[in-house]
Amino acid sequence: MEGPSEIIATDNGDAANIVSFTSTKRAAFNGLYLVIVREKPGQPGTINVKANYDGLQDSKISIGSERK
């Protein structure tokens, strides 16, 4: 992840997983992974999130952050 942001939560859909939601690291489950990001107050810019895994195509999303 790049830009004026921070990870505030992660999940993977596995009800048996006991890793805290506030952890920034988590294993995918059945190919699923969720990351919740928050912009840093007063720091507008572009937030870039990239996901990759061996054997799969990389994925990237850019989010504009303009709030002051």
N, C-alpha and C. Protein backbone atom coordinates (compact mmCIF):
# COMPACT_ATOMS: atom_id res chain seq x y z
N MET A 1 0.84 -1.16 0.00
CA MET A 1 0.00 0.00 0.00
C MET A 1 0.89 1.23 0.00
N GLU A 2 0.51 2.21 -0.79
CA GLU A 2 1.25 3.47 -0.88
C GLU A 2 0.27 4.62 -0.77
N GLY A 3 0.73 5.73 -0.24
CA GLY A 3 -0.08 6.92 -0.16
C GLY A 3 -0.47 7.26 1.26
N PRO A 4 -1.27 8.31 1.43
CA PRO A 4 -1.63 8.81 2.75
C PRO A 4 -2.73 7.97 3.41
N SER A 5 -2.38 6.75 3.82
CA SER A 5 -3.39 5.84 4.35
C SER A 5 -2.77 4.88 5.35
N GLU A 6 -3.66 4.14 6.02
CA GLU A 6 -3.22 3.11 6.95
C GLU A 6 -4.24 1.97 6.93
N ILE A 7 -3.77 0.77 7.20
CA ILE A 7 -4.66 -0.39 7.31
C ILE A 7 -5.27 -0.36 8.70
N ILE A 8 -6.61 -0.43 8.77
CA ILE A 8 -7.25 -0.44 10.09
C ILE A 8 -7.88 -1.79 10.42
N ALA A 9 -8.07 -2.66 9.42
CA ALA A 9 -8.64 -3.98 9.69
C ALA A 9 -8.40 -4.91 8.52
N THR A 10 -8.37 -6.22 8.82
CA THR A 10 -8.27 -7.25 7.79
C THR A 10 -9.21 -8.40 8.16
N ASP A 11 -9.59 -9.17 7.16
CA ASP A 11 -10.40 -10.37 7.40
C ASP A 11 -10.23 -11.29 6.20
N ASN A 12 -10.68 -12.54 6.35
CA ASN A 12 -10.58 -13.48 5.24
C ASN A 12 -11.80 -14.38 5.11
N GLY A 13 -12.82 -14.18 5.93
CA GLY A 13 -14.04 -14.98 5.82
C GLY A 13 -13.99 -16.30 6.55
N ASP A 14 -12.89 -16.64 7.20
CA ASP A 14 -12.75 -17.90 7.93
C ASP A 14 -13.21 -17.70 9.36
N ALA A 15 -14.39 -18.23 9.71
CA ALA A 15 -14.95 -18.05 11.05
C ALA A 15 -14.08 -18.69 12.13
N ALA A 16 -13.24 -19.66 11.76
CA ALA A 16 -12.38 -20.33 12.73
C ALA A 16 -11.06 -19.59 12.94
N ASN A 17 -10.79 -18.57 12.13
CA ASN A 17 -9.55 -17.81 12.25
C ASN A 17 -9.62 -16.90 13.46
N ILE A 18 -8.61 -16.99 14.34
CA ILE A 18 -8.63 -16.20 15.57
C ILE A 18 -7.70 -14.98 15.52
N VAL A 19 -7.16 -14.68 14.35
CA VAL A 19 -6.31 -13.50 14.20
C VAL A 19 -7.18 -12.25 14.40
N SER A 20 -6.67 -11.28 15.16
CA SER A 20 -7.42 -10.05 15.44
C SER A 20 -7.72 -9.30 14.14
N PHE A 21 -8.90 -8.70 14.07
CA PHE A 21 -9.26 -7.89 12.90
C PHE A 21 -8.31 -6.72 12.70
N THR A 22 -7.68 -6.25 13.77
CA THR A 22 -6.77 -5.11 13.67
C THR A 22 -5.37 -5.51 13.19
N SER A 23 -5.14 -6.80 12.98
CA SER A 23 -3.85 -7.26 12.46
C SER A 23 -3.67 -6.78 11.02
N THR A 24 -2.45 -6.39 10.66
CA THR A 24 -2.20 -5.97 9.28
C THR A 24 -1.74 -7.14 8.41
N LYS A 25 -1.57 -8.31 9.01
CA LYS A 25 -1.16 -9.50 8.25
C LYS A 25 -2.15 -10.63 8.53
N ARG A 26 -2.56 -11.30 7.46
CA ARG A 26 -3.53 -12.39 7.58
C ARG A 26 -3.42 -13.26 6.35
N ALA A 27 -3.60 -14.54 6.50
CA ALA A 27 -3.59 -15.47 5.37
C ALA A 27 -4.94 -15.42 4.65
N ALA A 28 -4.90 -15.59 3.34
CA ALA A 28 -6.15 -15.67 2.58
C ALA A 28 -6.85 -16.98 2.91
N PHE A 29 -8.15 -17.02 2.72
CA PHE A 29 -8.95 -18.22 2.97
C PHE A 29 -9.86 -18.43 1.77
N ASN A 30 -9.72 -19.59 1.12
CA ASN A 30 -10.48 -19.88 -0.11
C ASN A 30 -10.34 -18.75 -1.13
N GLY A 31 -9.14 -18.17 -1.18
CA GLY A 31 -8.86 -17.12 -2.14
C GLY A 31 -9.37 -15.75 -1.75
N LEU A 32 -9.90 -15.61 -0.53
CA LEU A 32 -10.49 -14.34 -0.11
C LEU A 32 -9.63 -13.64 0.94
N TYR A 33 -9.56 -12.35 0.83
CA TYR A 33 -8.82 -11.51 1.77
C TYR A 33 -9.45 -10.12 1.71
N LEU A 34 -9.70 -9.54 2.86
CA LEU A 34 -10.30 -8.22 2.93
C LEU A 34 -9.37 -7.30 3.70
N VAL A 35 -9.14 -6.12 3.16
CA VAL A 35 -8.36 -5.11 3.88
C VAL A 35 -9.17 -3.81 3.87
N ILE A 36 -9.27 -3.20 5.05
CA ILE A 36 -9.97 -1.93 5.18
C ILE A 36 -8.93 -0.86 5.46
N VAL A 37 -8.91 0.16 4.60
CA VAL A 37 -7.91 1.23 4.73
C VAL A 37 -8.62 2.54 5.08
N ARG A 38 -7.87 3.41 5.74
CA ARG A 38 -8.39 4.72 6.12
C ARG A 38 -7.38 5.76 5.67
N GLU A 39 -7.87 6.85 5.13
CA GLU A 39 -6.98 7.94 4.76
C GLU A 39 -6.46 8.62 6.02
N LYS A 40 -5.26 9.18 5.92
CA LYS A 40 -4.70 9.93 7.03
C LYS A 40 -5.24 11.35 6.96
N PRO A 41 -5.84 11.85 8.06
CA PRO A 41 -6.44 13.19 8.05
C PRO A 41 -5.44 14.27 7.65
N GLY A 42 -5.91 15.18 6.80
CA GLY A 42 -5.09 16.31 6.38
C GLY A 42 -4.00 15.97 5.39
N GLN A 43 -4.02 14.76 4.83
CA GLN A 43 -3.00 14.35 3.87
C GLN A 43 -3.67 13.88 2.58
N PRO A 44 -4.17 14.79 1.76
CA PRO A 44 -4.80 14.37 0.49
C PRO A 44 -3.78 13.77 -0.45
N GLY A 45 -4.24 12.95 -1.35
CA GLY A 45 -3.38 12.31 -2.33
C GLY A 45 -4.02 11.04 -2.85
N THR A 46 -3.25 10.23 -3.53
CA THR A 46 -3.75 8.98 -4.09
C THR A 46 -3.28 7.81 -3.23
N ILE A 47 -4.23 6.94 -2.91
CA ILE A 47 -3.94 5.72 -2.15
C ILE A 47 -3.90 4.58 -3.16
N ASN A 48 -2.79 3.87 -3.22
CA ASN A 48 -2.63 2.73 -4.11
C ASN A 48 -2.54 1.45 -3.29
N VAL A 49 -3.42 0.51 -3.59
CA VAL A 49 -3.42 -0.79 -2.91
C VAL A 49 -3.14 -1.85 -3.96
N LYS A 50 -2.14 -2.68 -3.71
CA LYS A 50 -1.76 -3.74 -4.65
C LYS A 50 -1.81 -5.08 -3.93
N ALA A 51 -2.41 -6.07 -4.58
CA ALA A 51 -2.46 -7.43 -4.04
C ALA A 51 -1.75 -8.36 -5.00
N ASN A 52 -0.95 -9.27 -4.45
CA ASN A 52 -0.30 -10.27 -5.30
C ASN A 52 -0.15 -11.57 -4.55
N TYR A 53 -0.08 -12.64 -5.32
CA TYR A 53 0.09 -13.98 -4.77
C TYR A 53 0.71 -14.84 -5.85
N ASP A 54 1.63 -15.69 -5.47
CA ASP A 54 2.29 -16.56 -6.45
C ASP A 54 1.28 -17.33 -7.28
N GLY A 55 1.42 -17.27 -8.58
CA GLY A 55 0.56 -18.02 -9.49
C GLY A 55 -0.69 -17.26 -9.92
N LEU A 56 -0.95 -16.09 -9.34
CA LEU A 56 -2.12 -15.29 -9.73
C LEU A 56 -1.68 -13.95 -10.27
N GLN A 57 -2.52 -13.35 -11.08
CA GLN A 57 -2.23 -12.04 -11.64
C GLN A 57 -2.33 -10.98 -10.54
N ASP A 58 -1.38 -10.04 -10.54
CA ASP A 58 -1.41 -8.94 -9.58
C ASP A 58 -2.66 -8.09 -9.81
N SER A 59 -3.15 -7.49 -8.74
CA SER A 59 -4.30 -6.61 -8.82
C SER A 59 -3.97 -5.31 -8.11
N LYS A 60 -4.46 -4.18 -8.64
CA LYS A 60 -4.15 -2.87 -8.06
C LYS A 60 -5.36 -1.96 -8.18
N ILE A 61 -5.57 -1.14 -7.16
CA ILE A 61 -6.64 -0.15 -7.20
C ILE A 61 -6.08 1.17 -6.66
N SER A 62 -6.50 2.26 -7.26
CA SER A 62 -6.11 3.60 -6.81
C SER A 62 -7.36 4.33 -6.34
N ILE A 63 -7.24 4.98 -5.17
CA ILE A 63 -8.36 5.69 -4.58
C ILE A 63 -7.93 7.12 -4.32
N GLY A 64 -8.69 8.09 -4.78
CA GLY A 64 -8.36 9.49 -4.53
C GLY A 64 -8.75 9.90 -3.12
N SER A 65 -7.85 10.56 -2.43
CA SER A 65 -8.11 11.04 -1.07
C SER A 65 -8.01 12.56 -1.09
N GLU A 66 -9.14 13.23 -0.87
CA GLU A 66 -9.14 14.70 -0.96
C GLU A 66 -9.62 15.38 0.30
N ARG A 67 -10.10 14.62 1.26
CA ARG A 67 -10.65 15.22 2.48
C ARG A 67 -9.55 15.96 3.25
N LYS A 68 -9.87 17.08 3.83
CA LYS A 68 -8.90 17.86 4.59
C LYS A 68 -9.21 17.88 6.05
